[in-house]
């Protein structure tokens, strides 16, 4: 049993070493600050609205695309280019009016302040 454990540990370590060397470049983490919506924002169901975020400290190479998630609803749009700094969305008719937040997912998630969505 001890021999099997040693072999298992050796296999795990070898796998981790190979995985570490298989990337051509290091993966960059980018956690952009959401600019809008903010606490004074009011969106209207059915209207086109803009989500914006700060790209001033973005790495040159981002390893993945992002998505925009609305609390109480789900994903609004994906994939998005995190270097673009904004994306337009149409607030779906099935969104419940009330207080919501936006989460911008990429390497990690940044959450907007709570804001209001109202009926058309």
PDB file of N, CA and C in Angstrom:
ATOM      1  N   UNK A   1       0.815  -1.185   0.000  1.00  0.00           N
ATOM      2  CA  UNK A   1       0.000   0.000   0.000  1.00  0.00           C
ATOM      3  C   UNK A   1       0.864   1.256   0.000  1.00  0.00           C
ATOM      4  N   UNK A   2       1.944   1.243   0.747  1.00  0.00           N
ATOM      5  CA  UNK A   2       2.852   2.393   0.774  1.00  0.00           C
ATOM      6  C   UNK A   2       3.470   2.593  -0.605  1.00  0.00           C
ATOM      7  N   UNK A   3       3.781   1.510  -1.286  1.00  0.00           N
ATOM      8  CA  UNK A   3       4.368   1.601  -2.625  1.00  0.00           C
ATOM      9  C   UNK A   3       3.373   2.255  -3.593  1.00  0.00           C
ATOM     10  N   UNK A   4       2.071   1.876  -3.513  1.00  0.00           N
ATOM     11  CA  UNK A   4       1.054   2.478  -4.370  1.00  0.00           C
ATOM     12  C   UNK A   4       0.913   3.967  -4.085  1.00  0.00           C
ATOM     13  N   UNK A   5       0.985   4.344  -2.805  1.00  0.00           N
ATOM     14  CA  UNK A   5       0.882   5.754  -2.430  1.00  0.00           C
ATOM     15  C   UNK A   5       2.050   6.543  -3.016  1.00  0.00           C
ATOM     16  N   UNK A   6       3.271   5.979  -2.936  1.00  0.00           N
ATOM     17  CA  UNK A   6       4.449   6.662  -3.488  1.00  0.00           C
ATOM     18  C   UNK A   6       4.308   6.830  -4.998  1.00  0.00           C
ATOM     19  N   UNK A   7       3.798   5.803  -5.667  1.00  0.00           N
ATOM     20  CA  UNK A   7       3.602   5.898  -7.102  1.00  0.00           C
ATOM     21  C   UNK A   7       2.536   6.943  -7.434  1.00  0.00           C
ATOM     22  N   UNK A   8       1.481   7.000  -6.641  1.00  0.00           N
ATOM     23  CA  UNK A   8       0.425   7.985  -6.886  1.00  0.00           C
ATOM     24  C   UNK A   8       0.960   9.396  -6.714  1.00  0.00           C
ATOM     25  N   UNK A   9       1.720   9.650  -5.675  1.00  0.00           N
ATOM     26  CA  UNK A   9       2.294  10.970  -5.437  1.00  0.00           C
ATOM     27  C   UNK A   9       3.242  11.328  -6.579  1.00  0.00           C
ATOM     28  N   UNK A  10       4.062  10.392  -7.001  1.00  0.00           N
ATOM     29  CA  UNK A  10       4.985  10.641  -8.097  1.00  0.00           C
ATOM     30  C   UNK A  10       4.221  10.947  -9.390  1.00  0.00           C
ATOM     31  N   UNK A  11       3.128  10.255  -9.638  1.00  0.00           N
ATOM     32  CA  UNK A  11       2.324  10.503 -10.837  1.00  0.00           C
ATOM     33  C   UNK A  11       1.704  11.897 -10.808  1.00  0.00           C
ATOM     34  N   UNK A  12       1.194  12.283  -9.659  1.00  0.00           N
ATOM     35  CA  UNK A  12       0.594  13.610  -9.527  1.00  0.00           C
ATOM     36  C   UNK A  12       1.643  14.690  -9.753  1.00  0.00           C
ATOM     37  N   UNK A  13       2.800  14.559  -9.139  1.00  0.00           N
ATOM     38  CA  UNK A  13       3.863  15.546  -9.296  1.00  0.00           C
ATOM     39  C   UNK A  13       4.324  15.642 -10.753  1.00  0.00           C
ATOM     40  N   UNK A  14       4.468  14.520 -11.420  1.00  0.00           N
ATOM     41  CA  UNK A  14       4.887  14.524 -12.818  1.00  0.00           C
ATOM     42  C   UNK A  14       3.838  15.213 -13.695  1.00  0.00           C
ATOM     43  N   UNK A  15       2.577  14.950 -13.426  1.00  0.00           N
ATOM     44  CA  UNK A  15       1.498  15.580 -14.186  1.00  0.00           C
ATOM     45  C   UNK A  15       1.499  17.091 -13.992  1.00  0.00           C
ATOM     46  N   UNK A  16       1.669  17.528 -12.755  1.00  0.00           N
ATOM     47  CA  UNK A  16       1.704  18.965 -12.472  1.00  0.00           C
ATOM     48  C   UNK A  16       2.884  19.645 -13.160  1.00  0.00           C
ATOM     49  N   UNK A  17       4.031  19.004 -13.178  1.00  0.00           N
ATOM     50  CA  UNK A  17       5.211  19.583 -13.821  1.00  0.00           C
ATOM     51  C   UNK A  17       4.992  19.705 -15.327  1.00  0.00           C
ATOM     52  N   UNK A  18       4.372  18.696 -15.936  1.00  0.00           N
ATOM     53  CA  UNK A  18       4.098  18.753 -17.371  1.00  0.00           C
ATOM     54  C   UNK A  18       3.074  19.833 -17.678  1.00  0.00           C
ATOM     55  N   UNK A  19       2.063  19.954 -16.848  1.00  0.00           N
ATOM     56  CA  UNK A  19       1.034  20.974 -17.072  1.00  0.00           C
ATOM     57  C   UNK A  19       1.636  22.367 -16.972  1.00  0.00           C
ATOM     58  N   UNK A  20       2.547  22.569 -16.036  1.00  0.00           N
ATOM     59  CA  UNK A  20       3.163  23.874 -15.851  1.00  0.00           C
ATOM     60  C   UNK A  20       3.988  24.269 -17.076  1.00  0.00           C
ATOM     61  N   UNK A  21       4.670  23.330 -17.697  1.00  0.00           N
ATOM     62  CA  UNK A  21       5.519  23.649 -18.841  1.00  0.00           C
ATOM     63  C   UNK A  21       4.762  23.636 -20.166  1.00  0.00           C
ATOM     64  N   UNK A  22       3.470  23.251 -20.159  1.00  0.00           N
ATOM     65  CA  UNK A  22       2.741  23.158 -21.421  1.00  0.00           C
ATOM     66  C   UNK A  22       2.188  24.498 -21.885  1.00  0.00           C
ATOM     67  N   UNK A  23       2.184  25.521 -21.028  1.00  0.00           N
ATOM     68  CA  UNK A  23       1.691  26.840 -21.427  1.00  0.00           C
ATOM     69  C   UNK A  23       2.799  27.608 -22.127  1.00  0.00           C
ATOM     70  N   UNK A  24       2.452  28.208 -23.273  1.00  0.00           N
ATOM     71  CA  UNK A  24       3.428  28.991 -24.030  1.00  0.00           C
ATOM     72  C   UNK A  24       3.732  30.308 -23.333  1.00  0.00           C
ATOM     73  N   UNK A  25       2.721  30.886 -22.662  1.00  0.00           N
ATOM     74  CA  UNK A  25       2.902  32.160 -21.959  1.00  0.00           C
ATOM     75  C   UNK A  25       2.114  32.106 -20.662  1.00  0.00           C
ATOM     76  N   UNK A  26       2.524  32.892 -19.689  1.00  0.00           N
ATOM     77  CA  UNK A  26       1.767  32.892 -18.442  1.00  0.00           C
ATOM     78  C   UNK A  26       0.364  33.451 -18.664  1.00  0.00           C
ATOM     79  N   UNK A  27      -0.578  32.959 -17.884  1.00  0.00           N
ATOM     80  CA  UNK A  27      -1.948  33.439 -17.989  1.00  0.00           C
ATOM     81  C   UNK A  27      -2.078  34.734 -17.196  1.00  0.00           C
ATOM     82  N   UNK A  28      -2.655  35.769 -17.808  1.00  0.00           N
ATOM     83  CA  UNK A  28      -2.842  37.049 -17.146  1.00  0.00           C
ATOM     84  C   UNK A  28      -4.198  37.084 -16.465  1.00  0.00           C
ATOM     85  N   UNK A  29      -4.219  37.634 -15.265  1.00  0.00           N
ATOM     86  CA  UNK A  29      -5.461  37.826 -14.538  1.00  0.00           C
ATOM     87  C   UNK A  29      -5.879  39.273 -14.715  1.00  0.00           C
ATOM     88  N   UNK A  30      -7.117  39.490 -15.123  1.00  0.00           N
ATOM     89  CA  UNK A  30      -7.634  40.832 -15.325  1.00  0.00           C
ATOM     90  C   UNK A  30      -8.986  40.929 -14.635  1.00  0.00           C
ATOM     91  N   UNK A  31      -9.080  41.783 -13.653  1.00  0.00           N
ATOM     92  CA  UNK A  31     -10.295  41.972 -12.870  1.00  0.00           C
ATOM     93  C   UNK A  31     -10.726  43.433 -13.021  1.00  0.00           C
ATOM     94  N   UNK A  32     -11.351  43.789 -14.147  1.00  0.00           N
ATOM     95  CA  UNK A  32     -11.663  45.195 -14.407  1.00  0.00           C
ATOM     96  C   UNK A  32     -12.767  45.731 -13.497  1.00  0.00           C
ATOM     97  N   UNK A  33     -12.633  46.996 -13.129  1.00  0.00           N
ATOM     98  CA  UNK A  33     -13.638  47.671 -12.307  1.00  0.00           C
ATOM     99  C   UNK A  33     -14.790  48.100 -13.223  1.00  0.00           C
ATOM    100  N   UNK A  34     -16.015  47.768 -12.828  1.00  0.00           N
ATOM    101  CA  UNK A  34     -17.194  48.164 -13.594  1.00  0.00           C
ATOM    102  C   UNK A  34     -17.458  49.648 -13.340  1.00  0.00           C
ATOM    103  N   UNK A  35     -17.599  50.397 -14.422  1.00  0.00           N
ATOM    104  CA  UNK A  35     -17.886  51.821 -14.347  1.00  0.00           C
ATOM    105  C   UNK A  35     -19.402  52.050 -14.365  1.00  0.00           C
ATOM    106  N   UNK A  36     -20.074  51.382 -15.281  1.00  0.00           N
ATOM    107  CA  UNK A  36     -21.535  51.464 -15.326  1.00  0.00           C
ATOM    108  C   UNK A  36     -22.098  50.099 -15.702  1.00  0.00           C
ATOM    109  N   UNK A  37     -23.184  49.721 -15.083  1.00  0.00           N
ATOM    110  CA  UNK A  37     -24.069  50.523 -14.259  1.00  0.00           C
ATOM    111  C   UNK A  37     -23.457  50.829 -12.887  1.00  0.00           C
ATOM    112  N   UNK A  38     -23.942  51.932 -12.281  1.00  0.00           N
ATOM    113  CA  UNK A  38     -23.522  52.289 -10.933  1.00  0.00           C
ATOM    114  C   UNK A  38     -24.771  52.493 -10.071  1.00  0.00           C
ATOM    115  N   UNK A  39     -24.583  52.968  -8.861  1.00  0.00           N
ATOM    116  CA  UNK A  39     -25.695  53.066  -7.907  1.00  0.00           C
ATOM    117  C   UNK A  39     -26.804  54.001  -8.361  1.00  0.00           C
ATOM    118  N   UNK A  40     -26.519  54.953  -9.247  1.00  0.00           N
ATOM    119  CA  UNK A  40     -27.557  55.882  -9.707  1.00  0.00           C
ATOM    120  C   UNK A  40     -28.174  55.469 -11.045  1.00  0.00           C
ATOM    121  N   UNK A  41     -27.765  54.329 -11.579  1.00  0.00           N
ATOM    122  CA  UNK A  41     -28.248  53.852 -12.881  1.00  0.00           C
ATOM    123  C   UNK A  41     -29.661  53.289 -12.781  1.00  0.00           C
ATOM    124  N   UNK A  42     -30.484  53.607 -13.796  1.00  0.00           N
ATOM    125  CA  UNK A  42     -31.804  52.991 -13.942  1.00  0.00           C
ATOM    126  C   UNK A  42     -31.899  52.462 -15.372  1.00  0.00           C
ATOM    127  N   UNK A  43     -32.076  51.149 -15.497  1.00  0.00           N
ATOM    128  CA  UNK A  43     -32.277  50.528 -16.793  1.00  0.00           C
ATOM    129  C   UNK A  43     -33.764  50.272 -16.986  1.00  0.00           C
ATOM    130  N   UNK A  44     -34.188  50.227 -18.256  1.00  0.00           N
ATOM    131  CA  UNK A  44     -35.579  49.949 -18.590  1.00  0.00           C
ATOM    132  C   UNK A  44     -35.644  48.644 -19.376  1.00  0.00           C
ATOM    133  N   UNK A  45     -36.536  47.776 -18.963  1.00  0.00           N
ATOM    134  CA  UNK A  45     -36.726  46.488 -19.648  1.00  0.00           C
ATOM    135  C   UNK A  45     -37.061  46.745 -21.118  1.00  0.00           C
ATOM    136  N   UNK A  46     -36.398  46.014 -22.002  1.00  0.00           N
ATOM    137  CA  UNK A  46     -36.608  46.133 -23.442  1.00  0.00           C
ATOM    138  C   UNK A  46     -35.716  47.158 -24.115  1.00  0.00           C
ATOM    139  N   UNK A  47     -35.026  47.987 -23.350  1.00  0.00           N
ATOM    140  CA  UNK A  47     -34.153  49.028 -23.911  1.00  0.00           C
ATOM    141  C   UNK A  47     -32.715  48.530 -24.023  1.00  0.00           C
ATOM    142  N   UNK A  48     -31.960  49.140 -24.929  1.00  0.00           N
ATOM    143  CA  UNK A  48     -30.534  48.848 -25.064  1.00  0.00           C
ATOM    144  C   UNK A  48     -29.776  49.657 -24.019  1.00  0.00           C
ATOM    145  N   UNK A  49     -28.953  48.998 -23.257  1.00  0.00           N
ATOM    146  CA  UNK A  49     -28.179  49.628 -22.183  1.00  0.00           C
ATOM    147  C   UNK A  49     -26.708  49.292 -22.384  1.00  0.00           C
ATOM    148  N   UNK A  50     -25.850  50.061 -21.735  1.00  0.00           N
ATOM    149  CA  UNK A  50     -24.406  49.896 -21.908  1.00  0.00           C
ATOM    150  C   UNK A  50     -23.749  49.499 -20.582  1.00  0.00           C
ATOM    151  N   UNK A  51     -22.944  48.455 -20.630  1.00  0.00           N
ATOM    152  CA  UNK A  51     -22.099  48.069 -19.498  1.00  0.00           C
ATOM    153  C   UNK A  51     -20.682  48.519 -19.856  1.00  0.00           C
ATOM    154  N   UNK A  52     -20.038  49.265 -18.977  1.00  0.00           N
ATOM    155  CA  UNK A  52     -18.672  49.738 -19.237  1.00  0.00           C
ATOM    156  C   UNK A  52     -17.772  49.350 -18.078  1.00  0.00           C
ATOM    157  N   UNK A  53     -16.486  49.153 -18.396  1.00  0.00           N
ATOM    158  CA  UNK A  53     -15.509  48.803 -17.370  1.00  0.00           C
ATOM    159  C   UNK A  53     -14.174  49.436 -17.715  1.00  0.00           C
ATOM    160  N   UNK A  54     -13.332  49.558 -16.705  1.00  0.00           N
ATOM    161  CA  UNK A  54     -12.036  50.218 -16.812  1.00  0.00           C
ATOM    162  C   UNK A  54     -10.999  49.248 -17.379  1.00  0.00           C
ATOM    163  N   UNK A  55     -10.396  49.635 -18.495  1.00  0.00           N
ATOM    164  CA  UNK A  55      -9.356  48.805 -19.113  1.00  0.00           C
ATOM    165  C   UNK A  55      -7.968  49.435 -18.990  1.00  0.00           C
ATOM    166  N   UNK A  56      -7.837  50.494 -18.174  1.00  0.00           N
ATOM    167  CA  UNK A  56      -6.573  51.228 -18.102  1.00  0.00           C
ATOM    168  C   UNK A  56      -5.415  50.383 -17.573  1.00  0.00           C
ATOM    169  N   UNK A  57      -5.713  49.364 -16.776  1.00  0.00           N
ATOM    170  CA  UNK A  57      -4.636  48.528 -16.244  1.00  0.00           C
ATOM    171  C   UNK A  57      -4.683  47.102 -16.811  1.00  0.00           C
ATOM    172  N   UNK A  58      -5.285  46.959 -17.981  1.00  0.00           N
ATOM    173  CA  UNK A  58      -5.414  45.633 -18.593  1.00  0.00           C
ATOM    174  C   UNK A  58      -4.061  45.120 -19.079  1.00  0.00           C
ATOM    175  N   UNK A  59      -3.809  43.828 -18.903  1.00  0.00           N
ATOM    176  CA  UNK A  59      -2.590  43.252 -19.486  1.00  0.00           C
ATOM    177  C   UNK A  59      -2.700  43.238 -21.004  1.00  0.00           C
ATOM    178  N   UNK A  60      -1.556  43.142 -21.672  1.00  0.00           N
ATOM    179  CA  UNK A  60      -1.554  43.136 -23.139  1.00  0.00           C
ATOM    180  C   UNK A  60      -2.260  41.914 -23.714  1.00  0.00           C
ATOM    181  N   UNK A  61      -2.120  40.797 -23.027  1.00  0.00           N
ATOM    182  CA  UNK A  61      -2.706  39.546 -23.512  1.00  0.00           C
ATOM    183  C   UNK A  61      -3.617  38.978 -22.441  1.00  0.00           C
ATOM    184  N   UNK A  62      -4.887  38.858 -22.779  1.00  0.00           N
ATOM    185  CA  UNK A  62      -5.844  38.246 -21.870  1.00  0.00           C
ATOM    186  C   UNK A  62      -6.135  36.853 -22.398  1.00  0.00           C
ATOM    187  N   UNK A  63      -6.096  35.879 -21.504  1.00  0.00           N
ATOM    188  CA  UNK A  63      -6.138  34.485 -21.913  1.00  0.00           C
ATOM    189  C   UNK A  63      -7.533  33.953 -22.212  1.00  0.00           C
ATOM    190  N   UNK A  64      -8.571  34.735 -21.958  1.00  0.00           N
ATOM    191  CA  UNK A  64      -9.901  34.223 -22.248  1.00  0.00           C
ATOM    192  C   UNK A  64     -10.866  35.366 -22.524  1.00  0.00           C
ATOM    193  N   UNK A  65     -12.050  35.020 -22.983  1.00  0.00           N
ATOM    194  CA  UNK A  65     -13.103  35.986 -23.217  1.00  0.00           C
ATOM    195  C   UNK A  65     -13.950  36.098 -21.952  1.00  0.00           C
ATOM    196  N   UNK A  66     -14.816  37.086 -21.911  1.00  0.00           N
ATOM    197  CA  UNK A  66     -15.630  37.299 -20.729  1.00  0.00           C
ATOM    198  C   UNK A  66     -17.107  37.124 -21.003  1.00  0.00           C
ATOM    199  N   UNK A  67     -17.898  37.399 -19.973  1.00  0.00           N
ATOM    200  CA  UNK A  67     -19.349  37.374 -20.091  1.00  0.00           C
ATOM    201  C   UNK A  67     -19.938  38.357 -19.085  1.00  0.00           C
ATOM    202  N   UNK A  68     -21.183  38.761 -19.337  1.00  0.00           N
ATOM    203  CA  UNK A  68     -21.897  39.677 -18.458  1.00  0.00           C
ATOM    204  C   UNK A  68     -23.093  38.927 -17.879  1.00  0.00           C
ATOM    205  N   UNK A  69     -23.173  38.941 -16.552  1.00  0.00           N
ATOM    206  CA  UNK A  69     -24.203  38.206 -15.808  1.00  0.00           C
ATOM    207  C   UNK A  69     -25.048  39.207 -15.037  1.00  0.00           C
ATOM    208  N   UNK A  70     -26.373  39.072 -15.091  1.00  0.00           N
ATOM    209  CA  UNK A  70     -27.293  39.920 -14.342  1.00  0.00           C
ATOM    210  C   UNK A  70     -27.864  39.127 -13.180  1.00  0.00           C
ATOM    211  N   UNK A  71     -27.730  39.671 -11.958  1.00  0.00           N
ATOM    212  CA  UNK A  71     -28.272  38.982 -10.784  1.00  0.00           C
ATOM    213  C   UNK A  71     -29.774  38.774 -10.949  1.00  0.00           C
ATOM    214  N   UNK A  72     -30.254  37.638 -10.481  1.00  0.00           N
ATOM    215  CA  UNK A  72     -31.671  37.320 -10.573  1.00  0.00           C
ATOM    216  C   UNK A  72     -32.142  36.932 -11.962  1.00  0.00           C
ATOM    217  N   UNK A  73     -31.213  36.904 -12.928  1.00  0.00           N
ATOM    218  CA  UNK A  73     -31.583  36.543 -14.308  1.00  0.00           C
ATOM    219  C   UNK A  73     -30.638  35.499 -14.878  1.00  0.00           C
ATOM    220  N   UNK A  74     -29.366  35.854 -15.016  1.00  0.00           N
ATOM    221  CA  UNK A  74     -28.388  34.948 -15.614  1.00  0.00           C
ATOM    222  C   UNK A  74     -27.507  35.688 -16.603  1.00  0.00           C
ATOM    223  N   UNK A  75     -26.925  34.938 -17.516  1.00  0.00           N
ATOM    224  CA  UNK A  75     -26.000  35.518 -18.487  1.00  0.00           C
ATOM    225  C   UNK A  75     -26.757  36.376 -19.499  1.00  0.00           C
ATOM    226  N   UNK A  76     -26.269  37.612 -19.677  1.00  0.00           N
ATOM    227  CA  UNK A  76     -26.859  38.525 -20.658  1.00  0.00           C
ATOM    228  C   UNK A  76     -26.163  38.420 -22.003  1.00  0.00           C
ATOM    229  N   UNK A  77     -24.826  38.296 -21.972  1.00  0.00           N
ATOM    230  CA  UNK A  77     -24.074  38.231 -23.224  1.00  0.00           C
ATOM    231  C   UNK A  77     -22.751  37.519 -22.984  1.00  0.00           C
ATOM    232  N   UNK A  78     -22.380  36.677 -23.934  1.00  0.00           N
ATOM    233  CA  UNK A  78     -21.074  36.029 -23.951  1.00  0.00           C
ATOM    234  C   UNK A  78     -20.821  35.524 -25.347  1.00  0.00           C
ATOM    235  N   UNK A  79     -19.661  35.369 -25.803  1.00  0.00           N
ATOM    236  CA  UNK A  79     -18.437  35.883 -25.194  1.00  0.00           C
ATOM    237  C   UNK A  79     -18.264  37.371 -25.509  1.00  0.00           C
ATOM    238  N   UNK A  80     -17.505  38.049 -24.663  1.00  0.00           N
ATOM    239  CA  UNK A  80     -17.182  39.447 -24.907  1.00  0.00           C
ATOM    240  C   UNK A  80     -15.671  39.628 -24.829  1.00  0.00           C
ATOM    241  N   UNK A  81     -15.188  40.638 -25.516  1.00  0.00           N
ATOM    242  CA  UNK A  81     -13.768  40.991 -25.485  1.00  0.00           C
ATOM    243  C   UNK A  81     -13.552  41.900 -24.286  1.00  0.00           C
ATOM    244  N   UNK A  82     -12.818  41.438 -23.291  1.00  0.00           N
ATOM    245  CA  UNK A  82     -12.593  42.223 -22.081  1.00  0.00           C
ATOM    246  C   UNK A  82     -11.783  43.487 -22.338  1.00  0.00           C
ATOM    247  N   UNK A  83     -11.021  43.518 -23.431  1.00  0.00           N
ATOM    248  CA  UNK A  83     -10.239  44.715 -23.753  1.00  0.00           C
ATOM    249  C   UNK A  83     -11.097  45.812 -24.393  1.00  0.00           C
ATOM    250  N   UNK A  84     -12.324  45.497 -24.802  1.00  0.00           N
ATOM    251  CA  UNK A  84     -13.190  46.476 -25.461  1.00  0.00           C
ATOM    252  C   UNK A  84     -13.637  47.583 -24.508  1.00  0.00           C
ATOM    253  N   UNK A  85     -13.818  47.264 -23.247  1.00  0.00           N
ATOM    254  CA  UNK A  85     -14.209  48.264 -22.269  1.00  0.00           C
ATOM    255  C   UNK A  85     -15.697  48.525 -22.174  1.00  0.00           C
ATOM    256  N   UNK A  86     -16.478  47.938 -23.071  1.00  0.00           N
ATOM    257  CA  UNK A  86     -17.933  48.111 -22.984  1.00  0.00           C
ATOM    258  C   UNK A  86     -18.631  47.095 -23.862  1.00  0.00           C
ATOM    259  N   UNK A  87     -19.914  46.914 -23.570  1.00  0.00           N
ATOM    260  CA  UNK A  87     -20.765  46.062 -24.392  1.00  0.00           C
ATOM    261  C   UNK A  87     -22.204  46.553 -24.234  1.00  0.00           C
ATOM    262  N   UNK A  88     -22.929  46.600 -25.349  1.00  0.00           N
ATOM    263  CA  UNK A  88     -24.350  46.960 -25.329  1.00  0.00           C
ATOM    264  C   UNK A  88     -25.180  45.706 -25.142  1.00  0.00           C
ATOM    265  N   UNK A  89     -26.213  45.826 -24.351  1.00  0.00           N
ATOM    266  CA  UNK A  89     -27.131  44.703 -24.154  1.00  0.00           C
ATOM    267  C   UNK A  89     -28.561  45.225 -24.218  1.00  0.00           C
ATOM    268  N   UNK A  90     -29.481  44.362 -24.575  1.00  0.00           N
ATOM    269  CA  UNK A  90     -30.902  44.684 -24.494  1.00  0.00           C
ATOM    270  C   UNK A  90     -31.415  44.004 -23.230  1.00  0.00           C
ATOM    271  N   UNK A  91     -32.046  44.780 -22.347  1.00  0.00           N
ATOM    272  CA  UNK A  91     -32.569  44.208 -21.107  1.00  0.00           C
ATOM    273  C   UNK A  91     -33.732  43.288 -21.474  1.00  0.00           C
ATOM    274  N   UNK A  92     -33.600  41.991 -21.181  1.00  0.00           N
ATOM    275  CA  UNK A  92     -34.631  41.030 -21.593  1.00  0.00           C
ATOM    276  C   UNK A  92     -36.000  41.320 -20.962  1.00  0.00           C
ATOM    277  N   UNK A  93     -37.050  41.028 -21.720  1.00  0.00           N
ATOM    278  CA  UNK A  93     -38.428  41.218 -21.250  1.00  0.00           C
ATOM    279  C   UNK A  93     -38.721  40.370 -20.008  1.00  0.00           C
ATOM    280  N   UNK A  94     -38.001  39.260 -19.842  1.00  0.00           N
ATOM    281  CA  UNK A  94     -38.267  38.354 -18.723  1.00  0.00           C
ATOM    282  C   UNK A  94     -37.561  38.746 -17.425  1.00  0.00           C
ATOM    283  N   UNK A  95     -36.819  39.856 -17.426  1.00  0.00           N
ATOM    284  CA  UNK A  95     -36.166  40.329 -16.205  1.00  0.00           C
ATOM    285  C   UNK A  95     -37.223  40.913 -15.270  1.00  0.00           C
ATOM    286  N   UNK A  96     -37.113  40.577 -13.998  1.00  0.00           N
ATOM    287  CA  UNK A  96     -38.011  41.122 -12.988  1.00  0.00           C
ATOM    288  C   UNK A  96     -37.543  42.515 -12.582  1.00  0.00           C
ATOM    289  N   UNK A  97     -38.413  43.515 -12.639  1.00  0.00           N
ATOM    290  CA  UNK A  97     -38.016  44.856 -12.189  1.00  0.00           C
ATOM    291  C   UNK A  97     -37.560  44.803 -10.727  1.00  0.00           C
ATOM    292  N   UNK A  98     -36.619  45.676 -10.387  1.00  0.00           N
ATOM    293  CA  UNK A  98     -36.128  45.725  -9.013  1.00  0.00           C
ATOM    294  C   UNK A  98     -34.648  46.046  -8.975  1.00  0.00           C
ATOM    295  N   UNK A  99     -34.025  45.717  -7.856  1.00  0.00           N
ATOM    296  CA  UNK A  99     -32.609  45.982  -7.649  1.00  0.00           C
ATOM    297  C   UNK A  99     -31.786  44.810  -8.164  1.00  0.00           C
ATOM    298  N   UNK A 100     -30.772  45.122  -8.966  1.00  0.00           N
ATOM    299  CA  UNK A 100     -29.924  44.097  -9.568  1.00  0.00           C
ATOM    300  C   UNK A 100     -28.465  44.525  -9.501  1.00  0.00           C
ATOM    301  N   UNK A 101     -27.577  43.595  -9.805  1.00  0.00           N
ATOM    302  CA  UNK A 101     -26.157  43.881 -10.006  1.00  0.00           C
ATOM    303  C   UNK A 101     -25.711  43.204 -11.287  1.00  0.00           C
ATOM    304  N   UNK A 102     -24.632  43.717 -11.854  1.00  0.00           N
ATOM    305  CA  UNK A 102     -23.975  43.110 -13.009  1.00  0.00           C
ATOM    306  C   UNK A 102     -22.676  42.493 -12.512  1.00  0.00           C
ATOM    307  N   UNK A 103     -22.378  41.299 -12.962  1.00  0.00           N
ATOM    308  CA  UNK A 103     -21.071  40.692 -12.713  1.00  0.00           C
ATOM    309  C   UNK A 103     -20.389  40.525 -14.053  1.00  0.00           C
ATOM    310  N   UNK A 104     -19.176  41.036 -14.139  1.00  0.00           N
ATOM    311  CA  UNK A 104     -18.364  40.902 -15.338  1.00  0.00           C
ATOM    312  C   UNK A 104     -17.402  39.757 -15.098  1.00  0.00           C
ATOM    313  N   UNK A 105     -17.618  38.650 -15.807  1.00  0.00           N
ATOM    314  CA  UNK A 105     -16.768  37.480 -15.644  1.00  0.00           C
ATOM    315  C   UNK A 105     -15.686  37.450 -16.705  1.00  0.00           C
ATOM    316  N   UNK A 106     -14.507  37.097 -16.292  1.00  0.00           N
ATOM    317  CA  UNK A 106     -13.370  36.880 -17.168  1.00  0.00           C
ATOM    318  C   UNK A 106     -12.506  35.883 -16.436  1.00  0.00           C
ATOM    319  N   UNK A 107     -11.346  36.332 -15.990  1.00  0.00           N
ATOM    320  CA  UNK A 107     -10.510  35.490 -15.142  1.00  0.00           C
ATOM    321  C   UNK A 107     -11.078  35.446 -13.733  1.00  0.00           C
ATOM    322  N   UNK A 108     -11.721  36.511 -13.350  1.00  0.00           N
ATOM    323  CA  UNK A 108     -12.391  36.579 -12.055  1.00  0.00           C
ATOM    324  C   UNK A 108     -13.613  37.472 -12.254  1.00  0.00           C
ATOM    325  N   UNK A 109     -14.402  37.666 -11.251  1.00  0.00           N
ATOM    326  CA  UNK A 109     -15.621  38.443 -11.427  1.00  0.00           C
ATOM    327  C   UNK A 109     -15.596  39.748 -10.658  1.00  0.00           C
ATOM    328  N   UNK A 110     -16.023  40.813 -11.300  1.00  0.00           N
ATOM    329  CA  UNK A 110     -16.180  42.092 -10.641  1.00  0.00           C
ATOM    330  C   UNK A 110     -17.661  42.411 -10.642  1.00  0.00           C
ATOM    331  N   UNK A 111     -18.180  42.874  -9.501  1.00  0.00           N
ATOM    332  CA  UNK A 111     -19.610  43.108  -9.343  1.00  0.00           C
ATOM    333  C   UNK A 111     -19.883  44.600  -9.263  1.00  0.00           C
ATOM    334  N   UNK A 112     -20.906  45.036 -10.003  1.00  0.00           N
ATOM    335  CA  UNK A 112     -21.310  46.437  -9.969  1.00  0.00           C
ATOM    336  C   UNK A 112     -22.019  46.748  -8.661  1.00  0.00           C
ATOM    337  N   UNK A 113     -22.153  48.031  -8.356  1.00  0.00           N
ATOM    338  CA  UNK A 113     -23.035  48.406  -7.245  1.00  0.00           C
ATOM    339  C   UNK A 113     -24.484  48.043  -7.624  1.00  0.00           C
ATOM    340  N   UNK A 114     -25.343  47.877  -6.646  1.00  0.00           N
ATOM    341  CA  UNK A 114     -26.760  47.624  -6.957  1.00  0.00           C
ATOM    342  C   UNK A 114     -27.348  48.814  -7.726  1.00  0.00           C
ATOM    343  N   UNK A 115     -28.201  48.512  -8.702  1.00  0.00           N
ATOM    344  CA  UNK A 115     -28.877  49.534  -9.507  1.00  0.00           C
ATOM    345  C   UNK A 115     -30.287  49.053  -9.788  1.00  0.00           C
ATOM    346  N   UNK A 116     -31.109  49.925 -10.352  1.00  0.00           N
ATOM    347  CA  UNK A 116     -32.512  49.615 -10.572  1.00  0.00           C
ATOM    348  C   UNK A 116     -32.812  49.256 -12.021  1.00  0.00           C
ATOM    349  N   UNK A 117     -33.710  48.284 -12.191  1.00  0.00           N
ATOM    350  CA  UNK A 117     -34.293  47.977 -13.485  1.00  0.00           C
ATOM    351  C   UNK A 117     -35.796  48.175 -13.333  1.00  0.00           C
ATOM    352  N   UNK A 118     -36.366  48.955 -14.273  1.00  0.00           N
ATOM    353  CA  UNK A 118     -37.799  49.263 -14.211  1.00  0.00           C
ATOM    354  C   UNK A 118     -38.510  48.704 -15.434  1.00  0.00           C
ATOM    355  N   UNK A 119     -39.817  48.544 -15.307  1.00  0.00           N
ATOM    356  CA  UNK A 119     -40.646  48.083 -16.427  1.00  0.00           C
ATOM    357  C   UNK A 119     -40.730  49.161 -17.490  1.00  0.00           C
ATOM    358  N   UNK A 120     -40.991  48.737 -18.696  1.00  0.00           N
ATOM    359  CA  UNK A 120     -41.106  49.690 -19.827  1.00  0.00           C
ATOM    360  C   UNK A 120     -42.307  50.591 -19.658  1.00  0.00           C
TER     361      UNK A 120
END
